[in-house]
C-alpha atoms as a PDB file:
ATOM      1  CA  MET A   1      -0.092   0.263   0.058  1.00  0.00           C
ATOM      2  CA  ALA A   2       1.302   3.259  -0.985  1.00  0.00           C
ATOM      3  CA  ARG A   3       2.218   5.621   1.954  1.00  0.00           C
ATOM      4  CA  ARG A   4       0.919   9.047   2.530  1.00  0.00           C
ATOM      5  CA  ALA A   5       3.204  11.789   2.225  1.00  0.00           C
ATOM      6  CA  VAL A   6       3.686  14.016   5.355  1.00  0.00           C
ATOM      7  CA  THR A   7       1.660  17.093   5.265  1.00  0.00           C
ATOM      8  CA  LYS A   8       4.115  20.243   5.805  1.00  0.00           C
ATOM      9  CA  THR A   9       3.321  22.358   8.442  1.00  0.00           C
ATOM     10  CA  TYR A  10       4.240  26.113   7.795  1.00  0.00           C
ATOM     11  CA  LYS A  11       5.567  28.439  10.646  1.00  0.00           C
ATOM     12  CA  LEU A  12       6.803  31.669  11.060  1.00  0.00           C
ATOM     13  CA  TYR A  13      10.525  32.207  11.174  1.00  0.00           C
ATOM     14  CA  VAL A  14      11.410  34.445  14.199  1.00  0.00           C
ATOM     15  CA  GLY A  15      14.755  34.392  15.833  1.00  0.00           C
ATOM     16  CA  GLY A  16      16.176  31.583  13.843  1.00  0.00           C
ATOM     17  CA  ALA A  17      13.614  29.076  15.001  1.00  0.00           C
ATOM     18  CA  PHE A  18      10.301  28.023  13.364  1.00  0.00           C
ATOM     19  CA  VAL A  19       7.493  29.445  15.534  1.00  0.00           C
ATOM     20  CA  ARG A  20       3.488  29.332  15.475  1.00  0.00           C
ATOM     21  CA  THR A  21       1.623  32.542  15.600  1.00  0.00           C
ATOM     22  CA  GLU A  22       0.818  33.623  19.076  1.00  0.00           C
ATOM     23  CA  SER A  23      -3.086  34.174  17.711  1.00  0.00           C
ATOM     24  CA  GLY A  24      -3.458  30.140  16.226  1.00  0.00           C
ATOM     25  CA  ARG A  25      -4.887  31.722  13.311  1.00  0.00           C
ATOM     26  CA  HIS A  26      -4.219  30.686   9.534  1.00  0.00           C
ATOM     27  CA  ASP A  27      -5.200  31.841   5.726  1.00  0.00           C
ATOM     28  CA  VAL A  28      -5.593  29.080   3.000  1.00  0.00           C
ATOM     29  CA  VAL A  29      -3.166  30.062   0.172  1.00  0.00           C
ATOM     30  CA  ASP A  30      -3.010  27.503  -2.760  1.00  0.00           C
ATOM     31  CA  GLY A  31      -4.765  24.884  -0.582  1.00  0.00           C
ATOM     32  CA  VAL A  32      -1.997  25.182   2.245  1.00  0.00           C
ATOM     33  CA  ASN A  33      -2.808  26.507   5.910  1.00  0.00           C
ATOM     34  CA  VAL A  34      -0.383  29.458   6.356  1.00  0.00           C
ATOM     35  CA  PRO A  35       0.118  31.079   9.584  1.00  0.00           C
ATOM     36  CA  ARG A  36      -1.628  34.503  10.135  1.00  0.00           C
ATOM     37  CA  GLY A  37       0.783  36.523  12.185  1.00  0.00           C
ATOM     38  CA  SER A  38      -0.301  39.103  14.313  1.00  0.00           C
ATOM     39  CA  ARG A  39       0.351  42.746  16.065  1.00  0.00           C
ATOM     40  CA  LYS A  40       2.091  40.322  18.909  1.00  0.00           C
ATOM     41  CA  ASP A  41       4.294  38.361  16.424  1.00  0.00           C
ATOM     42  CA  VAL A  42       5.432  41.546  14.988  1.00  0.00           C
ATOM     43  CA  ARG A  43       6.431  42.805  18.273  1.00  0.00           C
ATOM     44  CA  ASP A  44       7.990  39.694  19.272  1.00  0.00           C
ATOM     45  CA  ALA A  45      10.279  39.674  15.637  1.00  0.00           C
ATOM     46  CA  VAL A  46      11.295  43.098  16.637  1.00  0.00           C
ATOM     47  CA  LYS A  47      12.588  42.328  19.771  1.00  0.00           C
ATOM     48  CA  VAL A  48      14.207  39.126  18.890  1.00  0.00           C
ATOM     49  CA  ALA A  49      15.860  41.651  16.056  1.00  0.00           C
ATOM     50  CA  ARG A  50      16.751  44.394  17.866  1.00  0.00           C
ATOM     51  CA  GLY A  51      18.510  41.710  20.226  1.00  0.00           C
ATOM     52  CA  ALA A  52      20.943  40.385  17.380  1.00  0.00           C
ATOM     53  CA  ALA A  53      21.439  43.782  16.030  1.00  0.00           C
ATOM     54  CA  ALA A  54      24.817  44.476  17.971  1.00  0.00           C
ATOM     55  CA  GLY A  55      26.055  41.150  17.089  1.00  0.00           C
ATOM     56  CA  TRP A  56      25.287  41.170  13.343  1.00  0.00           C
ATOM     57  CA  ALA A  57      26.642  44.864  13.139  1.00  0.00           C
ATOM     58  CA  GLY A  58      29.824  43.983  15.320  1.00  0.00           C
ATOM     59  CA  ARG A  59      30.898  41.378  12.752  1.00  0.00           C
ATOM     60  CA  THR A  60      33.482  42.376  10.232  1.00  0.00           C
ATOM     61  CA  ALA A  61      32.516  43.431   6.976  1.00  0.00           C
ATOM     62  CA  TYR A  62      34.182  40.565   5.671  1.00  0.00           C
ATOM     63  CA  ASN A  63      32.494  38.111   7.526  1.00  0.00           C
ATOM     64  CA  ARG A  64      28.963  39.344   6.734  1.00  0.00           C
ATOM     65  CA  GLY A  65      29.799  38.934   3.564  1.00  0.00           C
ATOM     66  CA  GLN A  66      30.925  35.566   3.600  1.00  0.00           C
ATOM     67  CA  ILE A  67      27.394  34.596   5.271  1.00  0.00           C
ATOM     68  CA  LEU A  68      25.579  36.465   2.728  1.00  0.00           C
ATOM     69  CA  TYR A  69      27.534  34.207   0.060  1.00  0.00           C
ATOM     70  CA  ARG A  70      27.096  31.029   1.814  1.00  0.00           C
ATOM     71  CA  ALA A  71      23.031  32.124   2.210  1.00  0.00           C
ATOM     72  CA  ALA A  72      23.520  32.265  -1.599  1.00  0.00           C
ATOM     73  CA  GLU A  73      24.961  28.529  -1.570  1.00  0.00           C
ATOM     74  CA  ALA A  74      22.272  27.169   0.383  1.00  0.00           C
ATOM     75  CA  LEU A  75      19.554  28.752  -1.570  1.00  0.00           C
ATOM     76  CA  GLU A  76      21.146  27.762  -4.958  1.00  0.00           C
ATOM     77  CA  SER A  77      21.358  23.838  -3.503  1.00  0.00           C
ATOM     78  CA  ARG A  78      17.949  24.076  -2.882  1.00  0.00           C
ATOM     79  CA  ALA A  79      16.767  25.665  -6.330  1.00  0.00           C
ATOM     80  CA  ARG A  80      14.669  22.730  -7.581  1.00  0.00           C
ATOM     81  CA  GLU A  81      12.310  23.359  -4.569  1.00  0.00           C
ATOM     82  CA  PHE A  82      11.430  26.730  -5.754  1.00  0.00           C
ATOM     83  CA  ASP A  83       9.362  28.201  -8.874  1.00  0.00           C
ATOM     84  CA  GLY A  84      10.466  30.878 -11.174  1.00  0.00           C
ATOM     85  CA  ASP A  85      12.938  33.348 -10.354  1.00  0.00           C
ATOM     86  CA  VAL A  86      15.118  31.696  -7.626  1.00  0.00           C
ATOM     87  CA  GLY A  87      18.048  32.533  -9.855  1.00  0.00           C
ATOM     88  CA  GLU A  88      17.780  36.294  -9.544  1.00  0.00           C
ATOM     89  CA  ALA A  89      17.262  35.702  -5.493  1.00  0.00           C
ATOM     90  CA  VAL A  90      20.594  33.521  -5.711  1.00  0.00           C
ATOM     91  CA  ASP A  91      22.308  36.461  -7.875  1.00  0.00           C
ATOM     92  CA  ALA A  92      20.977  39.139  -5.270  1.00  0.00           C
ATOM     93  CA  LEU A  93      22.699  37.808  -2.108  1.00  0.00           C
ATOM     94  CA  VAL A  94      25.888  37.470  -4.315  1.00  0.00           C
ATOM     95  CA  HIS A  95      25.558  40.788  -5.413  1.00  0.00           C
ATOM     96  CA  TYR A  96      25.145  42.295  -1.830  1.00  0.00           C
ATOM     97  CA  ALA A  97      27.879  39.953  -0.304  1.00  0.00           C
ATOM     98  CA  GLY A  98      30.113  41.574  -2.573  1.00  0.00           C
ATOM     99  CA  TRP A  99      29.227  45.268  -1.160  1.00  0.00           C
ATOM    100  CA  THR A 100      29.675  44.611   2.378  1.00  0.00           C
ATOM    101  CA  ASP A 101      33.433  45.373   2.509  1.00  0.00           C
ATOM    102  CA  LYS A 102      33.103  48.115  -0.093  1.00  0.00           C
ATOM    103  CA  LEU A 103      30.869  50.284   1.791  1.00  0.00           C
ATOM    104  CA  HIS A 104      33.409  52.039   4.355  1.00  0.00           C
ATOM    105  CA  ALA A 105      35.617  52.992   1.359  1.00  0.00           C
ATOM    106  CA  VAL A 106      32.747  54.037  -0.864  1.00  0.00           C
ATOM    107  CA  LEU A 107      30.780  55.821   1.755  1.00  0.00           C
ATOM    108  CA  GLY A 108      33.533  56.757   4.535  1.00  0.00           C
ATOM    109  CA  GLY A 109      36.781  58.624   4.225  1.00  0.00           C
ATOM    110  CA  VAL A 110      38.551  61.868   5.514  1.00  0.00           C
ATOM    111  CA  ASN A 111      37.034  65.006   5.323  1.00  0.00           C
ATOM    112  CA  PRO A 112      39.128  68.093   4.533  1.00  0.00           C
ATOM    113  CA  VAL A 113      38.473  70.726   7.011  1.00  0.00           C
ATOM    114  CA  ALA A 114      40.002  74.286   7.135  1.00  0.00           C
ATOM    115  CA  ALA A 115      41.647  73.771  11.033  1.00  0.00           C
ATOM    116  CA  PRO A 116      44.253  71.672  12.872  1.00  0.00           C
ATOM    117  CA  PHE A 117      41.918  68.472  13.147  1.00  0.00           C
ATOM    118  CA  LEU A 118      41.751  65.206  11.430  1.00  0.00           C
ATOM    119  CA  SER A 119      37.932  64.724  10.300  1.00  0.00           C
ATOM    120  CA  ILE A 120      36.981  60.933   9.374  1.00  0.00           C
ATOM    121  CA  SER A 121      33.512  59.666   8.547  1.00  0.00           C
ATOM    122  CA  THR A 122      32.486  56.095   8.578  1.00  0.00           C
ATOM    123  CA  PRO A 123      29.414  54.337   7.863  1.00  0.00           C
ATOM    124  CA  GLU A 124      27.257  52.673  10.595  1.00  0.00           C
ATOM    125  CA  PRO A 125      24.008  50.313  10.150  1.00  0.00           C
ATOM    126  CA  THR A 126      20.739  52.179  10.770  1.00  0.00           C
ATOM    127  CA  GLY A 127      19.752  49.213  13.150  1.00  0.00           C
ATOM    128  CA  VAL A 128      16.203  47.360  12.606  1.00  0.00           C
ATOM    129  CA  VAL A 129      14.636  47.586   9.036  1.00  0.00           C
ATOM    130  CA  ALA A 130      11.137  46.496   8.473  1.00  0.00           C
ATOM    131  CA  VAL A 131      10.405  45.208   4.749  1.00  0.00           C
ATOM    132  CA  ALA A 132       6.803  45.476   3.911  1.00  0.00           C
ATOM    133  CA  CYS A 133       6.302  43.270   0.749  1.00  0.00           C
ATOM    134  CA  GLY A 134       3.835  43.735  -2.135  1.00  0.00           C
ATOM    135  CA  GLY A 135       0.845  40.899  -2.155  1.00  0.00           C
ATOM    136  CA  GLU A 136       2.221  39.314  -5.444  1.00  0.00           C
ATOM    137  CA  ASP A 137       6.139  40.142  -5.079  1.00  0.00           C
ATOM    138  CA  SER A 138       8.667  37.409  -6.469  1.00  0.00           C
ATOM    139  CA  LEU A 139      11.089  35.510  -3.975  1.00  0.00           C
ATOM    140  CA  ALA A 140      13.937  37.494  -5.493  1.00  0.00           C
ATOM    141  CA  ARG A 141      12.256  40.981  -4.860  1.00  0.00           C
ATOM    142  CA  VAL A 142      11.846  39.749  -1.626  1.00  0.00           C
ATOM    143  CA  VAL A 143      15.409  38.470  -1.319  1.00  0.00           C
ATOM    144  CA  SER A 144      16.714  41.553  -2.575  1.00  0.00           C
ATOM    145  CA  ALA A 145      14.754  43.778  -0.154  1.00  0.00           C
ATOM    146  CA  ILE A 146      16.371  41.698   2.260  1.00  0.00           C
ATOM    147  CA  ALA A 147      19.873  41.269   1.312  1.00  0.00           C
ATOM    148  CA  ALA A 148      20.722  45.429   0.846  1.00  0.00           C
ATOM    149  CA  PRO A 149      20.123  45.774   4.801  1.00  0.00           C
ATOM    150  CA  LEU A 150      22.065  43.231   5.974  1.00  0.00           C
ATOM    151  CA  ALA A 151      25.131  44.031   3.767  1.00  0.00           C
ATOM    152  CA  ALA A 152      24.935  47.249   5.536  1.00  0.00           C
ATOM    153  CA  GLY A 153      25.064  45.535   8.946  1.00  0.00           C
ATOM    154  CA  ASN A 154      21.162  46.058   9.754  1.00  0.00           C
ATOM    155  CA  VAL A 155      18.861  43.222  10.893  1.00  0.00           C
ATOM    156  CA  VAL A 156      15.260  42.949   9.166  1.00  0.00           C
ATOM    157  CA  VAL A 157      11.671  41.820  10.157  1.00  0.00           C
ATOM    158  CA  VAL A 158       9.817  40.959   6.905  1.00  0.00           C
ATOM    159  CA  ALA A 159       6.139  41.169   5.930  1.00  0.00           C
ATOM    160  CA  LEU A 160       5.963  38.399   3.477  1.00  0.00           C
ATOM    161  CA  PRO A 161       3.781  38.850   0.294  1.00  0.00           C
ATOM    162  CA  GLU A 162       0.118  38.316   1.458  1.00  0.00           C
ATOM    163  CA  ASN A 163      -1.220  36.251  -1.576  1.00  0.00           C
ATOM    164  CA  ASP A 164       2.028  34.402  -2.073  1.00  0.00           C
ATOM    165  CA  PRO A 165       3.898  33.767   1.118  1.00  0.00           C
ATOM    166  CA  LEU A 166       5.017  30.336   0.722  1.00  0.00           C
ATOM    167  CA  PRO A 167       8.357  31.033  -1.043  1.00  0.00           C
ATOM    168  CA  GLY A 168       9.171  33.279   1.715  1.00  0.00           C
ATOM    169  CA  LEU A 169       8.501  31.000   4.325  1.00  0.00           C
ATOM    170  CA  ASP A 170      10.689  28.198   2.483  1.00  0.00           C
ATOM    171  CA  LEU A 171      13.336  30.618   2.702  1.00  0.00           C
ATOM    172  CA  GLY A 172      13.273  30.453   6.181  1.00  0.00           C
ATOM    173  CA  GLU A 173      14.359  26.747   6.121  1.00  0.00           C
ATOM    174  CA  VAL A 174      17.171  27.813   3.850  1.00  0.00           C
ATOM    175  CA  LEU A 175      18.471  30.768   6.128  1.00  0.00           C
ATOM    176  CA  GLY A 176      17.981  28.099   9.093  1.00  0.00           C
ATOM    177  CA  VAL A 177      20.828  26.080   7.740  1.00  0.00           C
ATOM    178  CA  SER A 178      22.856  28.634   6.360  1.00  0.00           C
ATOM    179  CA  ASP A 179      25.430  30.826   8.782  1.00  0.00           C
ATOM    180  CA  VAL A 180      22.726  33.745   9.092  1.00  0.00           C
ATOM    181  CA  PRO A 181      22.663  34.087  13.178  1.00  0.00           C
ATOM    182  CA  GLY A 182      19.343  33.776  14.621  1.00  0.00           C
ATOM    183  CA  GLY A 183      17.428  36.603  14.565  1.00  0.00           C
ATOM    184  CA  VAL A 184      18.960  38.775  12.145  1.00  0.00           C
ATOM    185  CA  VAL A 185      16.353  37.879   9.492  1.00  0.00           C
ATOM    186  CA  ASN A 186      12.690  37.173  10.700  1.00  0.00           C
ATOM    187  CA  LEU A 187       9.932  36.038   8.290  1.00  0.00           C
ATOM    188  CA  ILE A 188       6.263  36.566   8.790  1.00  0.00           C
ATOM    189  CA  SER A 189       3.328  35.579   6.838  1.00  0.00           C
ATOM    190  CA  GLY A 190      -0.189  37.470   7.183  1.00  0.00           C
ATOM    191  CA  ARG A 191      -2.095  40.245   5.883  1.00  0.00           C
ATOM    192  CA  ALA A 192      -0.773  43.294   4.925  1.00  0.00           C
ATOM    193  CA  THR A 193      -3.324  45.448   6.717  1.00  0.00           C
ATOM    194  CA  GLU A 194      -2.810  43.982  10.145  1.00  0.00           C
ATOM    195  CA  LEU A 195       1.267  43.293  10.085  1.00  0.00           C
ATOM    196  CA  VAL A 196       2.331  46.750   8.042  1.00  0.00           C
ATOM    197  CA  PRO A 197       1.132  49.337  10.471  1.00  0.00           C
ATOM    198  CA  ALA A 198       2.425  47.495  13.213  1.00  0.00           C
ATOM    199  CA  LEU A 199       5.682  47.150  11.854  1.00  0.00           C
ATOM    200  CA  ALA A 200       5.407  51.151  11.004  1.00  0.00           C
ATOM    201  CA  SER A 201       4.381  52.320  14.544  1.00  0.00           C
ATOM    202  CA  HIS A 202       6.934  50.007  16.515  1.00  0.00           C
ATOM    203  CA  ARG A 203       9.448  52.634  18.079  1.00  0.00           C
ATOM    204  CA  ASP A 204      12.288  50.058  17.861  1.00  0.00           C
ATOM    205  CA  VAL A 205      12.207  49.834  14.084  1.00  0.00           C
ATOM    206  CA  ASN A 206      14.846  52.443  12.715  1.00  0.00           C
ATOM    207  CA  ALA A 207      13.743  52.021   8.584  1.00  0.00           C
ATOM    208  CA  ILE A 208      10.915  50.559   6.811  1.00  0.00           C
ATOM    209  CA  ILE A 209      11.361  49.309   3.192  1.00  0.00           C
ATOM    210  CA  ASP A 210       7.716  50.244   1.337  1.00  0.00           C
ATOM    211  CA  LEU A 211       7.271  47.478  -1.537  1.00  0.00           C
ATOM    212  CA  THR A 212       3.384  47.518  -0.779  1.00  0.00           C
ATOM    213  CA  GLY A 213       2.384  49.723  -3.891  1.00  0.00           C
ATOM    214  CA  ASP A 214      -0.674  50.348  -1.648  1.00  0.00           C
ATOM    215  CA  ALA A 215      -1.399  54.012  -1.447  1.00  0.00           C
ATOM    216  CA  GLU A 216      -3.721  53.673   2.004  1.00  0.00           C
ATOM    217  CA  LEU A 217      -0.865  51.713   3.482  1.00  0.00           C
ATOM    218  CA  ALA A 218       1.500  54.390   2.378  1.00  0.00           C
ATOM    219  CA  VAL A 219      -0.482  57.158   4.075  1.00  0.00           C
ATOM    220  CA  GLN A 220      -0.741  54.705   7.278  1.00  0.00           C
ATOM    221  CA  ILE A 221       3.288  54.083   6.811  1.00  0.00           C
ATOM    222  CA  ASP A 222       3.933  57.615   6.289  1.00  0.00           C
ATOM    223  CA  THR A 223       2.032  58.866   9.057  1.00  0.00           C
ATOM    224  CA  PHE A 224       3.250  56.276  11.721  1.00  0.00           C
ATOM    225  CA  ALA A 225       7.041  56.875  10.331  1.00  0.00           C
ATOM    226  CA  SER A 226       6.745  60.629  11.048  1.00  0.00           C
ATOM    227  CA  GLU A 227       5.541  59.932  14.715  1.00  0.00           C
ATOM    228  CA  THR A 228       8.338  57.425  15.537  1.00  0.00           C
ATOM    229  CA  LEU A 229      11.123  59.155  13.239  1.00  0.00           C
ATOM    230  CA  LYS A 230      12.017  56.206  10.937  1.00  0.00           C
ATOM    231  CA  ARG A 231      13.149  57.003   7.656  1.00  0.00           C
ATOM    232  CA  VAL A 232      11.017  55.248   4.545  1.00  0.00           C
ATOM    233  CA  LEU A 233      12.320  53.900   1.357  1.00  0.00           C
ATOM    234  CA  ARG A 234       9.854  53.032  -1.419  1.00  0.00           C
ATOM    235  CA  GLY A 235      10.342  50.456  -4.269  1.00  0.00           C
ATOM    236  CA  ASP A 236      13.462  49.442  -5.223  1.00  0.00           C
ATOM    237  CA  ASP A 237      14.618  51.614  -7.958  1.00  0.00           C
ATOM    238  CA  GLY A 238      17.754  53.077  -7.999  1.00  0.00           C
ATOM    239  CA  SER A 239      21.291  51.797  -7.594  1.00  0.00           C
ATOM    240  CA  SER A 240      22.527  49.315  -5.136  1.00  0.00           C
ATOM    241  CA  LEU A 241      24.789  51.730  -3.566  1.00  0.00           C
ATOM    242  CA  ALA A 242      21.759  54.130  -3.166  1.00  0.00           C
ATOM    243  CA  ARG A 243      19.880  51.481  -1.521  1.00  0.00           C
ATOM    244  CA  LEU A 244      22.649  50.518   0.758  1.00  0.00           C
ATOM    245  CA  GLN A 245      23.428  54.377   1.693  1.00  0.00           C
ATOM    246  CA  ALA A 246      19.978  55.085   2.653  1.00  0.00           C
ATOM    247  CA  LEU A 247      20.293  52.347   5.175  1.00  0.00           C
ATOM    248  CA  THR A 248      23.406  53.723   6.933  1.00  0.00           C
ATOM    249  CA  GLU A 249      24.263  56.516   9.107  1.00  0.00           C
ATOM    250  CA  LEU A 250      27.609  58.532   8.968  1.00  0.00           C
ATOM    251  CA  ARG A 251      29.388  58.783  12.194  1.00  0.00           C
ATOM    252  CA  THR A 252      31.984  61.598  11.756  1.00  0.00           C
ATOM    253  CA  ALA A 253      34.699  61.918  14.366  1.00  0.00           C
ATOM    254  CA  TRP A 254      37.323  64.810  14.995  1.00  0.00           C
ATOM    255  CA  HIS A 255      40.999  64.843  16.167  1.00  0.00           C
ATOM    256  CA  PRO A 256      43.252  67.318  16.982  1.00  0.00           C
ATOM    257  CA  VAL A 257      46.454  67.277  14.836  1.00  0.00           C
ATOM    258  CA  GLY A 258      49.826  68.946  15.336  1.00  0.00           C
ATOM    259  CA  ALA A 259      50.701  70.802  18.535  1.00  0.00           C
END
């Protein structure tokens, strides 16, 4: 007698672990039960991300590049399990892996000053970055939106595409066996109208990448962001450098020289 296949149970990916949504709710996507994340899940994910931020930012740029490259290798090895544009997703990870040890040279430097001082600027991570995906976003777009902040030393909390979250949840399984530390990437499935405002209003989120293309959500994001002093990036146009620069802060130090 033929055996029945084990039905896969999808869970959120938070803190390097696969967790059930605290509400116990789910939506059905393509005949599969998908966890419907709640505002509490968002708060939990942001707390975990904040705890992981210092460790990730404290790694050398070269090491972060190695880890992103390892994530690309892990995704490539499971490419047949994904549909569509997985190759573009792998390329995005490799691309941003190459940027990690270039940022200080490109964005930082010695500043000319008309005084007996040495002035040096160096880029630092913004902190916790939220990614609000559009309902139909591809895996490649999701991965690219994650890879850019990671390359700049940030940690991320992602509201996955509402209408097609399964590739994003499967990505959690890839990250779970790569070298990405727990809490650096957190993936939540659910309804954008519930997850996105919770991310935009959270005071421990430093920036939000808005890929939703939803005018009503954009108003809510801008309103909450203005109240909590977080920067908002929209879409994924522009160069890789522009995206990286938007997710970093410049710290300038002055040092006296001479007598």
